[in-house]
Amino acid sequence: MSYVTGKTIKTLREKRKLTQKELAEKISVSDKTVSKWETGGSLS
């Protein structure tokens, strides 16, 4: 099983010129959740 790291999430998000809020809306999570993923603040 492979895992996507916060750094990967941030890189892909920025490549697509999305804000954390825009990505969050697309995947139905909060922007705080995206922020936690990118900073390693949460593993879930």
PDB file of N, CA and C in Angstrom:
ATOM      1  N   MET A   1       0.847  -1.179   0.000  1.00  0.00           N
ATOM      2  CA  MET A   1       0.000   0.000   0.000  1.00  0.00           C
ATOM      3  C   MET A   1       0.892   1.242   0.000  1.00  0.00           C
ATOM      4  N   SER A   2       0.563   2.204  -0.850  1.00  0.00           N
ATOM      5  CA  SER A   2       1.345   3.433  -0.865  1.00  0.00           C
ATOM      6  C   SER A   2       0.508   4.585  -0.315  1.00  0.00           C
ATOM      7  N   TYR A   3       1.192   5.552   0.231  1.00  0.00           N
ATOM      8  CA  TYR A   3       0.535   6.698   0.833  1.00  0.00           C
ATOM      9  C   TYR A   3       0.909   7.975   0.088  1.00  0.00           C
ATOM     10  N   VAL A   4      -0.023   8.900   0.023  1.00  0.00           N
ATOM     11  CA  VAL A   4       0.236  10.211  -0.563  1.00  0.00           C
ATOM     12  C   VAL A   4       0.648  11.130   0.580  1.00  0.00           C
ATOM     13  N   THR A   5       1.793  11.777   0.446  1.00  0.00           N
ATOM     14  CA  THR A   5       2.275  12.655   1.503  1.00  0.00           C
ATOM     15  C   THR A   5       1.674  14.047   1.373  1.00  0.00           C
ATOM     16  N   GLY A   6       1.750  14.792   2.447  1.00  0.00           N
ATOM     17  CA  GLY A   6       1.267  16.176   2.429  1.00  0.00           C
ATOM     18  C   GLY A   6       1.991  17.007   1.389  1.00  0.00           C
ATOM     19  N   LYS A   7       3.278  16.742   1.224  1.00  0.00           N
ATOM     20  CA  LYS A   7       4.065  17.473   0.225  1.00  0.00           C
ATOM     21  C   LYS A   7       3.528  17.194  -1.180  1.00  0.00           C
ATOM     22  N   THR A   8       3.159  15.939  -1.439  1.00  0.00           N
ATOM     23  CA  THR A   8       2.596  15.567  -2.741  1.00  0.00           C
ATOM     24  C   THR A   8       1.259  16.251  -2.963  1.00  0.00           C
ATOM     25  N   ILE A   9       0.414  16.258  -1.944  1.00  0.00           N
ATOM     26  CA  ILE A   9      -0.889  16.919  -2.052  1.00  0.00           C
ATOM     27  C   ILE A   9      -0.700  18.391  -2.393  1.00  0.00           C
ATOM     28  N   LYS A  10       0.204  19.049  -1.682  1.00  0.00           N
ATOM     29  CA  LYS A  10       0.443  20.472  -1.911  1.00  0.00           C
ATOM     30  C   LYS A  10       0.988  20.722  -3.313  1.00  0.00           C
ATOM     31  N   THR A  11       1.942  19.905  -3.732  1.00  0.00           N
ATOM     32  CA  THR A  11       2.530  20.062  -5.070  1.00  0.00           C
ATOM     33  C   THR A  11       1.474  19.909  -6.158  1.00  0.00           C
ATOM     34  N   LEU A  12       0.665  18.868  -6.063  1.00  0.00           N
ATOM     35  CA  LEU A  12      -0.369  18.637  -7.068  1.00  0.00           C
ATOM     36  C   LEU A  12      -1.426  19.744  -7.047  1.00  0.00           C
ATOM     37  N   ARG A  13      -1.786  20.189  -5.851  1.00  0.00           N
ATOM     38  CA  ARG A  13      -2.773  21.272  -5.721  1.00  0.00           C
ATOM     39  C   ARG A  13      -2.245  22.547  -6.368  1.00  0.00           C
ATOM     40  N   GLU A  14      -1.001  22.879  -6.091  1.00  0.00           N
ATOM     41  CA  GLU A  14      -0.422  24.098  -6.645  1.00  0.00           C
ATOM     42  C   GLU A  14      -0.240  24.010  -8.165  1.00  0.00           C
ATOM     43  N   LYS A  15       0.104  22.816  -8.678  1.00  0.00           N
ATOM     44  CA  LYS A  15       0.221  22.626 -10.126  1.00  0.00           C
ATOM     45  C   LYS A  15      -1.088  22.933 -10.829  1.00  0.00           C
ATOM     46  N   ARG A  16      -2.179  22.623 -10.156  1.00  0.00           N
ATOM     47  CA  ARG A  16      -3.511  22.846 -10.734  1.00  0.00           C
ATOM     48  C   ARG A  16      -4.070  24.221 -10.373  1.00  0.00           C
ATOM     49  N   LYS A  17      -3.218  25.041  -9.726  1.00  0.00           N
ATOM     50  CA  LYS A  17      -3.588  26.397  -9.337  1.00  0.00           C
ATOM     51  C   LYS A  17      -4.872  26.460  -8.511  1.00  0.00           C
ATOM     52  N   LEU A  18      -4.963  25.544  -7.549  1.00  0.00           N
ATOM     53  CA  LEU A  18      -6.108  25.506  -6.642  1.00  0.00           C
ATOM     54  C   LEU A  18      -5.685  26.009  -5.271  1.00  0.00           C
ATOM     55  N   THR A  19      -6.584  26.703  -4.612  1.00  0.00           N
ATOM     56  CA  THR A  19      -6.350  27.050  -3.211  1.00  0.00           C
ATOM     57  C   THR A  19      -6.738  25.837  -2.365  1.00  0.00           C
ATOM     58  N   GLN A  20      -6.355  25.863  -1.106  1.00  0.00           N
ATOM     59  CA  GLN A  20      -6.761  24.780  -0.211  1.00  0.00           C
ATOM     60  C   GLN A  20      -8.280  24.718  -0.134  1.00  0.00           C
ATOM     61  N   LYS A  21      -8.924  25.866  -0.111  1.00  0.00           N
ATOM     62  CA  LYS A  21     -10.389  25.916  -0.031  1.00  0.00           C
ATOM     63  C   LYS A  21     -11.022  25.305  -1.278  1.00  0.00           C
ATOM     64  N   GLU A  22     -10.494  25.607  -2.448  1.00  0.00           N
ATOM     65  CA  GLU A  22     -11.038  25.057  -3.691  1.00  0.00           C
ATOM     66  C   GLU A  22     -10.883  23.538  -3.736  1.00  0.00           C
ATOM     67  N   LEU A  23      -9.711  23.046  -3.346  1.00  0.00           N
ATOM     68  CA  LEU A  23      -9.502  21.599  -3.309  1.00  0.00           C
ATOM     69  C   LEU A  23     -10.463  20.958  -2.309  1.00  0.00           C
ATOM     70  N   ALA A  24     -10.581  21.566  -1.154  1.00  0.00           N
ATOM     71  CA  ALA A  24     -11.464  21.036  -0.113  1.00  0.00           C
ATOM     72  C   ALA A  24     -12.898  20.904  -0.617  1.00  0.00           C
ATOM     73  N   GLU A  25     -13.374  21.916  -1.330  1.00  0.00           N
ATOM     74  CA  GLU A  25     -14.737  21.872  -1.863  1.00  0.00           C
ATOM     75  C   GLU A  25     -14.891  20.747  -2.885  1.00  0.00           C
ATOM     76  N   LYS A  26     -13.866  20.534  -3.710  1.00  0.00           N
ATOM     77  CA  LYS A  26     -13.926  19.496  -4.743  1.00  0.00           C
ATOM     78  C   LYS A  26     -14.003  18.090  -4.140  1.00  0.00           C
ATOM     79  N   ILE A  27     -13.360  17.895  -2.986  1.00  0.00           N
ATOM     80  CA  ILE A  27     -13.324  16.555  -2.393  1.00  0.00           C
ATOM     81  C   ILE A  27     -14.177  16.439  -1.124  1.00  0.00           C
ATOM     82  N   SER A  28     -14.983  17.465  -0.876  1.00  0.00           N
ATOM     83  CA  SER A  28     -15.949  17.469   0.239  1.00  0.00           C
ATOM     84  C   SER A  28     -15.318  17.289   1.615  1.00  0.00           C
ATOM     85  N   VAL A  29     -14.255  18.053   1.857  1.00  0.00           N
ATOM     86  CA  VAL A  29     -13.669  18.134   3.198  1.00  0.00           C
ATOM     87  C   VAL A  29     -13.489  19.619   3.511  1.00  0.00           C
ATOM     88  N   SER A  30     -13.103  19.931   4.733  1.00  0.00           N
ATOM     89  CA  SER A  30     -12.888  21.340   5.075  1.00  0.00           C
ATOM     90  C   SER A  30     -11.491  21.784   4.640  1.00  0.00           C
ATOM     91  N   ASP A  31     -11.334  23.091   4.467  1.00  0.00           N
ATOM     92  CA  ASP A  31     -10.008  23.606   4.112  1.00  0.00           C
ATOM     93  C   ASP A  31      -9.018  23.382   5.258  1.00  0.00           C
ATOM     94  N   LYS A  32      -9.527  23.297   6.478  1.00  0.00           N
ATOM     95  CA  LYS A  32      -8.647  23.003   7.617  1.00  0.00           C
ATOM     96  C   LYS A  32      -8.086  21.587   7.503  1.00  0.00           C
ATOM     97  N   THR A  33      -8.885  20.668   6.981  1.00  0.00           N
ATOM     98  CA  THR A  33      -8.423  19.291   6.785  1.00  0.00           C
ATOM     99  C   THR A  33      -7.301  19.252   5.756  1.00  0.00           C
ATOM    100  N   VAL A  34      -7.475  19.959   4.646  1.00  0.00           N
ATOM    101  CA  VAL A  34      -6.432  20.010   3.612  1.00  0.00           C
ATOM    102  C   VAL A  34      -5.150  20.593   4.207  1.00  0.00           C
ATOM    103  N   SER A  35      -5.285  21.643   4.985  1.00  0.00           N
ATOM    104  CA  SER A  35      -4.128  22.268   5.621  1.00  0.00           C
ATOM    105  C   SER A  35      -3.404  21.279   6.533  1.00  0.00           C
ATOM    106  N   LYS A  36      -4.161  20.523   7.318  1.00  0.00           N
ATOM    107  CA  LYS A  36      -3.560  19.532   8.218  1.00  0.00           C
ATOM    108  C   LYS A  36      -2.824  18.452   7.431  1.00  0.00           C
ATOM    109  N   TRP A  37      -3.428  18.017   6.317  1.00  0.00           N
ATOM    110  CA  TRP A  37      -2.760  17.006   5.485  1.00  0.00           C
ATOM    111  C   TRP A  37      -1.428  17.541   4.979  1.00  0.00           C
ATOM    112  N   GLU A  38      -1.440  18.777   4.478  1.00  0.00           N
ATOM    113  CA  GLU A  38      -0.237  19.346   3.872  1.00  0.00           C
ATOM    114  C   GLU A  38       0.866  19.618   4.891  1.00  0.00           C
ATOM    115  N   THR A  39       0.485  19.915   6.102  1.00  0.00           N
ATOM    116  CA  THR A  39       1.495  20.216   7.132  1.00  0.00           C
ATOM    117  C   THR A  39       1.837  19.003   7.983  1.00  0.00           C
ATOM    118  N   GLY A  40       1.169  17.879   7.706  1.00  0.00           N
ATOM    119  CA  GLY A  40       1.446  16.675   8.481  1.00  0.00           C
ATOM    120  C   GLY A  40       0.769  16.683   9.839  1.00  0.00           C
ATOM    121  N   GLY A  41      -0.227  17.535  10.002  1.00  0.00           N
ATOM    122  CA  GLY A  41      -0.922  17.639  11.286  1.00  0.00           C
ATOM    123  C   GLY A  41      -1.932  16.543  11.534  1.00  0.00           C
ATOM    124  N   SER A  42      -2.213  15.740  10.501  1.00  0.00           N
ATOM    125  CA  SER A  42      -3.218  14.686  10.637  1.00  0.00           C
ATOM    126  C   SER A  42      -2.914  13.556   9.686  1.00  0.00           C
ATOM    127  N   LEU A  43      -3.123  12.343  10.125  1.00  0.00           N
ATOM    128  CA  LEU A  43      -2.901  11.194   9.262  1.00  0.00           C
ATOM    129  C   LEU A  43      -4.195  10.639   8.711  1.00  0.00           C
ATOM    130  N   SER A  44      -5.322  11.224   9.122  1.00  0.00           N
ATOM    131  CA  SER A  44      -6.615  10.707   8.667  1.00  0.00           C
ATOM    132  C   SER A  44      -7.259  11.612   7.646  1.00  0.00           C
TER     133      SER A  44
END
